[in-house]
């Protein structure tokens, strides 16, 4: 089941990267991104989000998501 969900998230990330122009036309420009991300602005922001989704999808698919959550485990352990 992990492989299926990983492929789905990779596909969503790829779609966000590929259709970033359409997403910006649909939702509008992000003022923060336009100010701080330089020439691409909102387009660059959506491409970064898409790449992050693809990387997280691959990490989930190969059961490596624990690398991101392991520093937080001391704070979320159950009480004895």
N, C-alpha and C. Protein backbone atom coordinates (compact mmCIF):
# COMPACT_ATOMS: atom_id res chain seq x y z
N UNK A 1 0.82 -1.19 0.00
CA UNK A 1 0.00 0.00 0.00
C UNK A 1 0.87 1.26 0.00
N UNK A 2 2.05 1.16 0.63
CA UNK A 2 2.96 2.29 0.65
C UNK A 2 3.40 2.68 -0.75
N UNK A 3 3.62 1.69 -1.59
CA UNK A 3 4.07 1.97 -2.95
C UNK A 3 3.00 2.73 -3.73
N UNK A 4 1.76 2.34 -3.55
CA UNK A 4 0.66 3.01 -4.26
C UNK A 4 0.54 4.46 -3.81
N UNK A 5 0.55 4.70 -2.48
CA UNK A 5 0.45 6.07 -1.97
C UNK A 5 1.66 6.90 -2.37
N UNK A 6 2.84 6.28 -2.38
CA UNK A 6 4.03 7.00 -2.82
C UNK A 6 3.94 7.43 -4.26
N UNK A 7 3.46 6.54 -5.12
CA UNK A 7 3.31 6.88 -6.54
C UNK A 7 2.26 7.97 -6.72
N UNK A 8 1.20 7.94 -5.94
CA UNK A 8 0.17 8.98 -6.03
C UNK A 8 0.76 10.34 -5.67
N UNK A 9 1.53 10.41 -4.57
CA UNK A 9 2.11 11.69 -4.15
C UNK A 9 3.19 12.17 -5.12
N UNK A 10 3.93 11.24 -5.71
CA UNK A 10 4.90 11.64 -6.73
C UNK A 10 4.17 12.20 -7.94
N UNK A 11 3.07 11.59 -8.32
CA UNK A 11 2.27 12.09 -9.44
C UNK A 11 1.68 13.47 -9.17
N UNK A 12 1.20 13.68 -7.95
CA UNK A 12 0.67 15.00 -7.59
C UNK A 12 1.78 16.04 -7.63
N UNK A 13 2.95 15.70 -7.10
CA UNK A 13 4.07 16.64 -7.14
C UNK A 13 4.49 16.95 -8.56
N UNK A 14 4.53 15.94 -9.42
CA UNK A 14 4.88 16.16 -10.82
C UNK A 14 3.86 17.07 -11.49
N UNK A 15 2.58 16.87 -11.19
CA UNK A 15 1.53 17.70 -11.78
C UNK A 15 1.66 19.15 -11.31
N UNK A 16 2.01 19.35 -10.05
CA UNK A 16 2.18 20.72 -9.54
C UNK A 16 3.35 21.40 -10.25
N UNK A 17 4.44 20.67 -10.47
CA UNK A 17 5.58 21.25 -11.19
C UNK A 17 5.21 21.54 -12.64
N UNK A 18 4.57 20.59 -13.29
CA UNK A 18 4.26 20.74 -14.72
C UNK A 18 3.23 21.84 -14.96
N UNK A 19 2.23 21.94 -14.11
CA UNK A 19 1.14 22.88 -14.33
C UNK A 19 1.21 24.09 -13.39
N UNK A 20 2.41 24.50 -13.01
CA UNK A 20 2.55 25.64 -12.11
C UNK A 20 1.98 26.92 -12.73
N UNK A 21 2.14 27.07 -14.03
CA UNK A 21 1.59 28.26 -14.70
C UNK A 21 0.06 28.28 -14.58
N UNK A 22 -0.58 27.15 -14.78
CA UNK A 22 -2.04 27.08 -14.67
C UNK A 22 -2.49 27.28 -13.23
N UNK A 23 -1.72 26.77 -12.28
CA UNK A 23 -2.08 26.94 -10.86
C UNK A 23 -2.00 28.41 -10.47
N UNK A 24 -0.96 29.10 -10.94
CA UNK A 24 -0.86 30.54 -10.64
C UNK A 24 -2.01 31.30 -11.29
N UNK A 25 -2.39 30.92 -12.50
CA UNK A 25 -3.53 31.58 -13.15
C UNK A 25 -4.84 31.30 -12.41
N UNK A 26 -4.95 30.12 -11.80
CA UNK A 26 -6.17 29.77 -11.08
C UNK A 26 -6.25 30.45 -9.72
N UNK A 27 -5.16 30.42 -8.96
CA UNK A 27 -5.18 30.93 -7.59
C UNK A 27 -4.60 32.34 -7.45
N UNK A 28 -3.91 32.83 -8.44
CA UNK A 28 -3.32 34.15 -8.37
C UNK A 28 -1.89 34.10 -7.83
N UNK A 29 -1.24 35.25 -7.86
CA UNK A 29 0.14 35.35 -7.41
C UNK A 29 0.20 35.43 -5.89
N UNK A 30 1.28 34.91 -5.33
CA UNK A 30 1.52 34.96 -3.89
C UNK A 30 2.46 36.13 -3.63
N UNK A 31 2.00 37.18 -2.93
CA UNK A 31 2.83 38.37 -2.75
C UNK A 31 4.17 38.08 -2.05
N UNK A 32 4.15 37.19 -1.07
CA UNK A 32 5.39 36.85 -0.37
C UNK A 32 6.40 36.24 -1.33
N UNK A 33 5.95 35.34 -2.17
CA UNK A 33 6.84 34.69 -3.12
C UNK A 33 7.35 35.67 -4.16
N UNK A 34 6.50 36.57 -4.59
CA UNK A 34 6.91 37.56 -5.58
C UNK A 34 8.00 38.48 -5.02
N UNK A 35 7.92 38.75 -3.73
CA UNK A 35 8.88 39.64 -3.12
C UNK A 35 10.21 38.96 -2.84
N UNK A 36 10.18 37.72 -2.34
CA UNK A 36 11.40 37.10 -1.83
C UNK A 36 12.02 36.03 -2.73
N UNK A 37 11.32 35.53 -3.72
CA UNK A 37 11.87 34.46 -4.54
C UNK A 37 12.40 34.94 -5.88
N UNK A 38 12.50 36.20 -6.07
CA UNK A 38 13.15 36.71 -7.28
C UNK A 38 12.26 36.68 -8.51
N UNK A 39 12.89 36.41 -9.65
CA UNK A 39 12.22 36.53 -10.94
C UNK A 39 11.02 35.62 -11.13
N UNK A 40 11.07 34.38 -10.65
CA UNK A 40 9.98 33.44 -10.87
C UNK A 40 8.81 33.67 -9.95
N UNK A 41 9.08 34.05 -8.73
CA UNK A 41 8.04 34.34 -7.75
C UNK A 41 7.14 33.17 -7.46
N UNK A 42 5.87 33.33 -7.78
CA UNK A 42 4.87 32.31 -7.48
C UNK A 42 5.12 31.02 -8.26
N UNK A 43 5.61 31.14 -9.48
CA UNK A 43 5.90 29.95 -10.27
C UNK A 43 6.98 29.11 -9.60
N UNK A 44 8.01 29.79 -9.09
CA UNK A 44 9.09 29.09 -8.39
C UNK A 44 8.58 28.45 -7.11
N UNK A 45 7.71 29.14 -6.39
CA UNK A 45 7.15 28.59 -5.16
C UNK A 45 6.39 27.29 -5.43
N UNK A 46 5.56 27.28 -6.44
CA UNK A 46 4.80 26.06 -6.74
C UNK A 46 5.70 24.93 -7.24
N UNK A 47 6.76 25.27 -7.93
CA UNK A 47 7.69 24.23 -8.36
C UNK A 47 8.45 23.65 -7.17
N UNK A 48 8.82 24.49 -6.21
CA UNK A 48 9.48 23.99 -5.00
C UNK A 48 8.53 23.09 -4.22
N UNK A 49 7.28 23.50 -4.10
CA UNK A 49 6.28 22.67 -3.39
C UNK A 49 6.11 21.33 -4.09
N UNK A 50 6.06 21.34 -5.41
CA UNK A 50 5.93 20.09 -6.17
C UNK A 50 7.11 19.16 -5.97
N UNK A 51 8.31 19.71 -5.96
CA UNK A 51 9.51 18.89 -5.75
C UNK A 51 9.52 18.32 -4.34
N UNK A 52 9.11 19.12 -3.36
CA UNK A 52 9.04 18.62 -1.98
C UNK A 52 8.02 17.49 -1.88
N UNK A 53 6.88 17.62 -2.56
CA UNK A 53 5.88 16.55 -2.55
C UNK A 53 6.43 15.27 -3.17
N UNK A 54 7.19 15.41 -4.25
CA UNK A 54 7.77 14.22 -4.88
C UNK A 54 8.79 13.55 -3.97
N UNK A 55 9.63 14.34 -3.30
CA UNK A 55 10.63 13.77 -2.40
C UNK A 55 9.96 13.10 -1.21
N UNK A 56 8.94 13.74 -0.63
CA UNK A 56 8.22 13.12 0.49
C UNK A 56 7.50 11.85 0.05
N UNK A 57 6.96 11.85 -1.17
CA UNK A 57 6.32 10.64 -1.68
C UNK A 57 7.30 9.49 -1.82
N UNK A 58 8.50 9.80 -2.32
CA UNK A 58 9.52 8.75 -2.43
C UNK A 58 9.98 8.27 -1.05
N UNK A 59 10.12 9.21 -0.11
CA UNK A 59 10.53 8.82 1.24
C UNK A 59 9.47 7.92 1.89
N UNK A 60 8.20 8.26 1.69
CA UNK A 60 7.14 7.43 2.25
C UNK A 60 7.12 6.06 1.58
N UNK A 61 7.32 6.03 0.27
CA UNK A 61 7.27 4.78 -0.47
C UNK A 61 8.36 3.82 -0.02
N UNK A 62 9.54 4.33 0.29
CA UNK A 62 10.65 3.49 0.72
C UNK A 62 10.82 3.44 2.23
N UNK A 63 9.80 3.90 2.96
CA UNK A 63 9.75 3.85 4.42
C UNK A 63 10.92 4.61 5.05
N UNK A 64 11.26 5.75 4.51
CA UNK A 64 12.33 6.59 5.03
C UNK A 64 11.80 7.85 5.71
N UNK A 65 10.51 7.95 5.89
CA UNK A 65 9.91 9.13 6.48
C UNK A 65 10.31 9.27 7.96
N UNK A 66 10.74 8.18 8.56
CA UNK A 66 11.21 8.21 9.94
C UNK A 66 12.43 9.08 10.14
N UNK A 67 13.20 9.32 9.09
CA UNK A 67 14.36 10.20 9.18
C UNK A 67 13.92 11.61 9.55
N UNK A 68 12.77 12.04 9.04
CA UNK A 68 12.26 13.37 9.35
C UNK A 68 11.59 13.43 10.71
N UNK A 69 10.95 12.34 11.12
CA UNK A 69 10.19 12.36 12.36
C UNK A 69 10.98 11.89 13.57
N UNK A 70 12.14 11.28 13.37
CA UNK A 70 12.89 10.73 14.50
C UNK A 70 13.36 11.79 15.50
N UNK A 71 13.72 13.01 15.11
CA UNK A 71 14.10 13.98 16.13
C UNK A 71 12.95 14.38 17.05
N UNK A 72 11.72 14.14 16.65
CA UNK A 72 10.56 14.53 17.45
C UNK A 72 10.06 13.44 18.38
N UNK A 73 10.59 12.23 18.27
CA UNK A 73 10.07 11.12 19.07
C UNK A 73 10.21 11.31 20.57
N UNK A 74 11.24 11.96 21.12
CA UNK A 74 11.26 12.13 22.57
C UNK A 74 10.10 12.99 23.09
N UNK A 75 9.57 13.85 22.26
CA UNK A 75 8.50 14.73 22.70
C UNK A 75 7.11 14.12 22.60
N UNK A 76 6.98 13.04 21.83
CA UNK A 76 5.67 12.44 21.61
C UNK A 76 5.57 11.01 22.11
N UNK A 77 6.46 10.59 23.03
CA UNK A 77 6.38 9.25 23.58
C UNK A 77 5.31 9.22 24.65
N UNK A 78 4.70 8.06 24.82
CA UNK A 78 3.64 7.94 25.83
C UNK A 78 4.26 7.91 27.23
N UNK A 79 3.50 8.37 28.17
CA UNK A 79 3.97 8.42 29.56
C UNK A 79 4.00 7.00 30.15
N UNK A 80 4.96 6.73 31.02
CA UNK A 80 5.04 5.36 31.61
C UNK A 80 3.95 5.10 32.61
